[in-house]
């Protein structure tokens, strides 16, 4: 797992009011899934060079459907 994926997982655990599946998974179970979910974020419209990756991930998680 790289830093970006680790940041994504860590934020999924700390952001309230999100329906993202990683929010309910402990690290050892989420480890194999994090890459897939991070890639989904990375390819989304939320990933933007105009804002920090931290803010982009927060926005993505808060608006996850």
PDB file of N, CA and C in Angstrom:
ATOM      1  N   UNK A   1       0.861  -1.172   0.000  1.00  0.00           N
ATOM      2  CA  UNK A   1       0.000   0.000   0.000  1.00  0.00           C
ATOM      3  C   UNK A   1       0.903   1.229   0.000  1.00  0.00           C
ATOM      4  N   UNK A   2       0.594   2.184  -0.855  1.00  0.00           N
ATOM      5  CA  UNK A   2       1.395   3.400  -0.895  1.00  0.00           C
ATOM      6  C   UNK A   2       0.783   4.481  -0.003  1.00  0.00           C
ATOM      7  N   UNK A   3       1.474   5.601   0.097  1.00  0.00           N
ATOM      8  CA  UNK A   3       1.027   6.673   0.988  1.00  0.00           C
ATOM      9  C   UNK A   3      -0.364   7.174   0.616  1.00  0.00           C
ATOM     10  N   UNK A   4      -0.625   7.357  -0.672  1.00  0.00           N
ATOM     11  CA  UNK A   4      -1.934   7.878  -1.098  1.00  0.00           C
ATOM     12  C   UNK A   4      -3.071   6.954  -0.658  1.00  0.00           C
ATOM     13  N   UNK A   5      -2.855   5.673  -0.814  1.00  0.00           N
ATOM     14  CA  UNK A   5      -3.877   4.705  -0.396  1.00  0.00           C
ATOM     15  C   UNK A   5      -4.023   4.695   1.121  1.00  0.00           C
ATOM     16  N   UNK A   6      -2.911   4.803   1.825  1.00  0.00           N
ATOM     17  CA  UNK A   6      -2.966   4.852   3.280  1.00  0.00           C
ATOM     18  C   UNK A   6      -3.719   6.097   3.742  1.00  0.00           C
ATOM     19  N   UNK A   7      -3.451   7.242   3.114  1.00  0.00           N
ATOM     20  CA  UNK A   7      -4.176   8.471   3.438  1.00  0.00           C
ATOM     21  C   UNK A   7      -5.666   8.291   3.174  1.00  0.00           C
ATOM     22  N   UNK A   8      -5.994   7.688   2.051  1.00  0.00           N
ATOM     23  CA  UNK A   8      -7.393   7.457   1.700  1.00  0.00           C
ATOM     24  C   UNK A   8      -8.084   6.603   2.768  1.00  0.00           C
ATOM     25  N   UNK A   9      -7.437   5.511   3.154  1.00  0.00           N
ATOM     26  CA  UNK A   9      -8.025   4.644   4.178  1.00  0.00           C
ATOM     27  C   UNK A   9      -8.166   5.389   5.499  1.00  0.00           C
ATOM     28  N   UNK A  10      -7.130   6.092   5.915  1.00  0.00           N
ATOM     29  CA  UNK A  10      -7.150   6.814   7.189  1.00  0.00           C
ATOM     30  C   UNK A  10      -8.264   7.851   7.208  1.00  0.00           C
ATOM     31  N   UNK A  11      -8.421   8.576   6.134  1.00  0.00           N
ATOM     32  CA  UNK A  11      -9.500   9.571   6.065  1.00  0.00           C
ATOM     33  C   UNK A  11     -10.868   8.907   6.040  1.00  0.00           C
ATOM     34  N   UNK A  12     -10.967   7.748   5.423  1.00  0.00           N
ATOM     35  CA  UNK A  12     -12.268   7.055   5.406  1.00  0.00           C
ATOM     36  C   UNK A  12     -12.691   6.658   6.820  1.00  0.00           C
ATOM     37  N   UNK A  13     -11.721   6.473   7.698  1.00  0.00           N
ATOM     38  CA  UNK A  13     -12.021   6.119   9.083  1.00  0.00           C
ATOM     39  C   UNK A  13     -12.368   7.336   9.933  1.00  0.00           C
ATOM     40  N   UNK A  14     -11.913   8.515   9.517  1.00  0.00           N
ATOM     41  CA  UNK A  14     -12.093   9.694  10.364  1.00  0.00           C
ATOM     42  C   UNK A  14     -13.196  10.647   9.911  1.00  0.00           C
ATOM     43  N   UNK A  15     -13.626  10.529   8.669  1.00  0.00           N
ATOM     44  CA  UNK A  15     -14.670  11.416   8.152  1.00  0.00           C
ATOM     45  C   UNK A  15     -16.028  10.888   8.582  1.00  0.00           C
ATOM     46  N   UNK A  16     -16.785  11.710   9.238  1.00  0.00           N
ATOM     47  CA  UNK A  16     -18.120  11.295   9.675  1.00  0.00           C
ATOM     48  C   UNK A  16     -19.133  11.405   8.548  1.00  0.00           C
ATOM     49  N   UNK A  17     -20.249  10.773   8.721  1.00  0.00           N
ATOM     50  CA  UNK A  17     -21.372  10.854   7.776  1.00  0.00           C
ATOM     51  C   UNK A  17     -20.996  10.467   6.349  1.00  0.00           C
ATOM     52  N   UNK A  18     -20.337   9.347   6.206  1.00  0.00           N
ATOM     53  CA  UNK A  18     -20.025   8.856   4.872  1.00  0.00           C
ATOM     54  C   UNK A  18     -20.562   7.437   4.730  1.00  0.00           C
ATOM     55  N   UNK A  19     -20.941   7.091   3.521  1.00  0.00           N
ATOM     56  CA  UNK A  19     -21.473   5.751   3.249  1.00  0.00           C
ATOM     57  C   UNK A  19     -20.437   4.880   2.554  1.00  0.00           C
ATOM     58  N   UNK A  20     -19.194   5.337   2.534  1.00  0.00           N
ATOM     59  CA  UNK A  20     -18.152   4.591   1.839  1.00  0.00           C
ATOM     60  C   UNK A  20     -17.894   3.265   2.553  1.00  0.00           C
ATOM     61  N   UNK A  21     -17.735   2.167   1.817  1.00  0.00           N
ATOM     62  CA  UNK A  21     -17.538   0.843   2.422  1.00  0.00           C
ATOM     63  C   UNK A  21     -16.312   0.725   3.327  1.00  0.00           C
ATOM     64  N   UNK A  22     -15.245   1.457   3.044  1.00  0.00           N
ATOM     65  CA  UNK A  22     -14.047   1.362   3.889  1.00  0.00           C
ATOM     66  C   UNK A  22     -14.271   1.908   5.292  1.00  0.00           C
ATOM     67  N   UNK A  23     -15.278   2.716   5.458  1.00  0.00           N
ATOM     68  CA  UNK A  23     -15.548   3.321   6.759  1.00  0.00           C
ATOM     69  C   UNK A  23     -15.809   2.267   7.822  1.00  0.00           C
ATOM     70  N   UNK A  24     -16.342   1.149   7.430  1.00  0.00           N
ATOM     71  CA  UNK A  24     -16.721   0.117   8.398  1.00  0.00           C
ATOM     72  C   UNK A  24     -15.745  -1.058   8.448  1.00  0.00           C
ATOM     73  N   UNK A  25     -14.620  -0.967   7.716  1.00  0.00           N
ATOM     74  CA  UNK A  25     -13.683  -2.084   7.677  1.00  0.00           C
ATOM     75  C   UNK A  25     -12.424  -1.799   8.492  1.00  0.00           C
ATOM     76  N   UNK A  26     -12.046  -2.729   9.360  1.00  0.00           N
ATOM     77  CA  UNK A  26     -10.762  -2.575  10.048  1.00  0.00           C
ATOM     78  C   UNK A  26      -9.617  -2.725   9.048  1.00  0.00           C
ATOM     79  N   UNK A  27      -8.465  -2.185   9.395  1.00  0.00           N
ATOM     80  CA  UNK A  27      -7.327  -2.111   8.478  1.00  0.00           C
ATOM     81  C   UNK A  27      -6.960  -3.461   7.872  1.00  0.00           C
ATOM     82  N   UNK A  28      -6.884  -4.491   8.665  1.00  0.00           N
ATOM     83  CA  UNK A  28      -6.451  -5.781   8.125  1.00  0.00           C
ATOM     84  C   UNK A  28      -7.421  -6.329   7.081  1.00  0.00           C
ATOM     85  N   UNK A  29      -8.688  -6.020   7.197  1.00  0.00           N
ATOM     86  CA  UNK A  29      -9.666  -6.452   6.184  1.00  0.00           C
ATOM     87  C   UNK A  29      -9.687  -5.500   4.986  1.00  0.00           C
ATOM     88  N   UNK A  30      -9.436  -4.235   5.243  1.00  0.00           N
ATOM     89  CA  UNK A  30      -9.499  -3.232   4.182  1.00  0.00           C
ATOM     90  C   UNK A  30      -8.252  -3.204   3.318  1.00  0.00           C
ATOM     91  N   UNK A  31      -7.157  -3.768   3.803  1.00  0.00           N
ATOM     92  CA  UNK A  31      -5.882  -3.675   3.104  1.00  0.00           C
ATOM     93  C   UNK A  31      -5.990  -4.095   1.638  1.00  0.00           C
ATOM     94  N   UNK A  32      -6.632  -5.201   1.374  1.00  0.00           N
ATOM     95  CA  UNK A  32      -6.729  -5.689  -0.009  1.00  0.00           C
ATOM     96  C   UNK A  32      -7.723  -4.896  -0.859  1.00  0.00           C
ATOM     97  N   UNK A  33      -8.625  -4.166  -0.228  1.00  0.00           N
ATOM     98  CA  UNK A  33      -9.647  -3.405  -0.954  1.00  0.00           C
ATOM     99  C   UNK A  33      -9.262  -1.948  -1.190  1.00  0.00           C
ATOM    100  N   UNK A  34      -8.315  -1.439  -0.418  1.00  0.00           N
ATOM    101  CA  UNK A  34      -8.001  -0.019  -0.464  1.00  0.00           C
ATOM    102  C   UNK A  34      -7.531   0.432  -1.840  1.00  0.00           C
ATOM    103  N   UNK A  35      -6.710  -0.368  -2.495  1.00  0.00           N
ATOM    104  CA  UNK A  35      -6.209   0.007  -3.821  1.00  0.00           C
ATOM    105  C   UNK A  35      -7.361   0.223  -4.799  1.00  0.00           C
ATOM    106  N   UNK A  36      -8.319  -0.655  -4.790  1.00  0.00           N
ATOM    107  CA  UNK A  36      -9.469  -0.550  -5.705  1.00  0.00           C
ATOM    108  C   UNK A  36     -10.276   0.718  -5.427  1.00  0.00           C
ATOM    109  N   UNK A  37     -10.537   1.001  -4.152  1.00  0.00           N
ATOM    110  CA  UNK A  37     -11.319   2.187  -3.813  1.00  0.00           C
ATOM    111  C   UNK A  37     -10.542   3.475  -4.068  1.00  0.00           C
ATOM    112  N   UNK A  38      -9.225   3.431  -3.832  1.00  0.00           N
ATOM    113  CA  UNK A  38      -8.430   4.625  -4.124  1.00  0.00           C
ATOM    114  C   UNK A  38      -8.427   4.890  -5.625  1.00  0.00           C
ATOM    115  N   UNK A  39      -8.295   3.862  -6.436  1.00  0.00           N
ATOM    116  CA  UNK A  39      -8.314   4.014  -7.887  1.00  0.00           C
ATOM    117  C   UNK A  39      -9.651   4.609  -8.337  1.00  0.00           C
ATOM    118  N   UNK A  40     -10.728   4.182  -7.723  1.00  0.00           N
ATOM    119  CA  UNK A  40     -12.049   4.736  -8.030  1.00  0.00           C
ATOM    120  C   UNK A  40     -12.072   6.237  -7.733  1.00  0.00           C
ATOM    121  N   UNK A  41     -11.508   6.632  -6.590  1.00  0.00           N
ATOM    122  CA  UNK A  41     -11.411   8.056  -6.265  1.00  0.00           C
ATOM    123  C   UNK A  41     -10.521   8.778  -7.270  1.00  0.00           C
ATOM    124  N   UNK A  42      -9.355   8.191  -7.559  1.00  0.00           N
ATOM    125  CA  UNK A  42      -8.367   8.817  -8.430  1.00  0.00           C
ATOM    126  C   UNK A  42      -8.942   9.117  -9.808  1.00  0.00           C
ATOM    127  N   UNK A  43      -9.806   8.257 -10.296  1.00  0.00           N
ATOM    128  CA  UNK A  43     -10.408   8.440 -11.615  1.00  0.00           C
ATOM    129  C   UNK A  43     -11.678   9.293 -11.578  1.00  0.00           C
ATOM    130  N   UNK A  44     -12.100   9.688 -10.398  1.00  0.00           N
ATOM    131  CA  UNK A  44     -13.330  10.471 -10.266  1.00  0.00           C
ATOM    132  C   UNK A  44     -13.080  11.955 -10.530  1.00  0.00           C
ATOM    133  N   UNK A  45     -14.156  12.701 -10.620  1.00  0.00           N
ATOM    134  CA  UNK A  45     -14.080  14.151 -10.807  1.00  0.00           C
ATOM    135  C   UNK A  45     -13.608  14.865  -9.546  1.00  0.00           C
ATOM    136  N   UNK A  46     -13.604  14.183  -8.420  1.00  0.00           N
ATOM    137  CA  UNK A  46     -13.174  14.806  -7.171  1.00  0.00           C
ATOM    138  C   UNK A  46     -11.669  14.987  -7.122  1.00  0.00           C
ATOM    139  N   UNK A  47     -10.934  14.155  -7.814  1.00  0.00           N
ATOM    140  CA  UNK A  47      -9.481  14.261  -7.850  1.00  0.00           C
ATOM    141  C   UNK A  47      -9.113  15.408  -8.778  1.00  0.00           C
ATOM    142  N   UNK A  48      -8.529  16.452  -8.228  1.00  0.00           N
ATOM    143  CA  UNK A  48      -8.259  17.657  -9.007  1.00  0.00           C
ATOM    144  C   UNK A  48      -6.920  18.262  -8.589  1.00  0.00           C
ATOM    145  N   UNK A  49      -6.201  18.797  -9.545  1.00  0.00           N
ATOM    146  CA  UNK A  49      -4.945  19.488  -9.241  1.00  0.00           C
ATOM    147  C   UNK A  49      -5.190  20.842  -8.583  1.00  0.00           C
ATOM    148  N   UNK A  50      -6.429  21.298  -8.587  1.00  0.00           N
ATOM    149  CA  UNK A  50      -6.752  22.621  -8.051  1.00  0.00           C
ATOM    150  C   UNK A  50      -6.850  22.627  -6.520  1.00  0.00           C
ATOM    151  N   UNK A  51      -7.052  21.460  -5.923  1.00  0.00           N
ATOM    152  CA  UNK A  51      -7.126  21.374  -4.460  1.00  0.00           C
ATOM    153  C   UNK A  51      -6.219  20.250  -3.983  1.00  0.00           C
ATOM    154  N   UNK A  52      -5.930  20.261  -2.693  1.00  0.00           N
ATOM    155  CA  UNK A  52      -5.046  19.234  -2.153  1.00  0.00           C
ATOM    156  C   UNK A  52      -5.707  17.859  -2.229  1.00  0.00           C
ATOM    157  N   UNK A  53      -4.866  16.842  -2.251  1.00  0.00           N
ATOM    158  CA  UNK A  53      -5.407  15.482  -2.274  1.00  0.00           C
ATOM    159  C   UNK A  53      -6.238  15.216  -1.026  1.00  0.00           C
ATOM    160  N   UNK A  54      -5.794  15.734   0.106  1.00  0.00           N
ATOM    161  CA  UNK A  54      -6.524  15.593   1.365  1.00  0.00           C
ATOM    162  C   UNK A  54      -7.955  16.120   1.200  1.00  0.00           C
ATOM    163  N   UNK A  55      -8.085  17.358   0.717  1.00  0.00           N
ATOM    164  CA  UNK A  55      -9.415  17.957   0.545  1.00  0.00           C
ATOM    165  C   UNK A  55     -10.237  17.219  -0.509  1.00  0.00           C
ATOM    166  N   UNK A  56      -9.588  16.760  -1.568  1.00  0.00           N
ATOM    167  CA  UNK A  56     -10.297  16.030  -2.615  1.00  0.00           C
ATOM    168  C   UNK A  56     -10.863  14.722  -2.071  1.00  0.00           C
ATOM    169  N   UNK A  57     -10.067  14.006  -1.263  1.00  0.00           N
ATOM    170  CA  UNK A  57     -10.540  12.748  -0.672  1.00  0.00           C
ATOM    171  C   UNK A  57     -11.690  13.012   0.285  1.00  0.00           C
ATOM    172  N   UNK A  58     -11.573  14.046   1.114  1.00  0.00           N
ATOM    173  CA  UNK A  58     -12.655  14.392   2.047  1.00  0.00           C
ATOM    174  C   UNK A  58     -13.944  14.657   1.273  1.00  0.00           C
ATOM    175  N   UNK A  59     -13.871  15.449   0.230  1.00  0.00           N
ATOM    176  CA  UNK A  59     -15.062  15.749  -0.582  1.00  0.00           C
ATOM    177  C   UNK A  59     -15.641  14.488  -1.206  1.00  0.00           C
ATOM    178  N   UNK A  60     -14.775  13.636  -1.705  1.00  0.00           N
ATOM    179  CA  UNK A  60     -15.216  12.376  -2.312  1.00  0.00           C
ATOM    180  C   UNK A  60     -15.956  11.510  -1.284  1.00  0.00           C
ATOM    181  N   UNK A  61     -15.369  11.364  -0.116  1.00  0.00           N
ATOM    182  CA  UNK A  61     -15.982  10.521   0.919  1.00  0.00           C
ATOM    183  C   UNK A  61     -17.304  11.080   1.416  1.00  0.00           C
ATOM    184  N   UNK A  62     -17.360  12.385   1.602  1.00  0.00           N
ATOM    185  CA  UNK A  62     -18.597  13.007   2.094  1.00  0.00           C
ATOM    186  C   UNK A  62     -19.726  12.907   1.081  1.00  0.00           C
ATOM    187  N   UNK A  63     -19.376  12.840  -0.196  1.00  0.00           N
ATOM    188  CA  UNK A  63     -20.405  12.790  -1.241  1.00  0.00           C
ATOM    189  C   UNK A  63     -20.570  11.412  -1.853  1.00  0.00           C
ATOM    190  N   UNK A  64     -19.976  10.411  -1.226  1.00  0.00           N
ATOM    191  CA  UNK A  64     -20.056   9.043  -1.743  1.00  0.00           C
ATOM    192  C   UNK A  64     -21.488   8.537  -1.665  1.00  0.00           C
ATOM    193  N   UNK A  65     -21.940   7.925  -2.746  1.00  0.00           N
ATOM    194  CA  UNK A  65     -23.321   7.414  -2.776  1.00  0.00           C
ATOM    195  C   UNK A  65     -23.317   5.930  -2.886  1.00  0.00           C
TER     196      UNK A  65
END
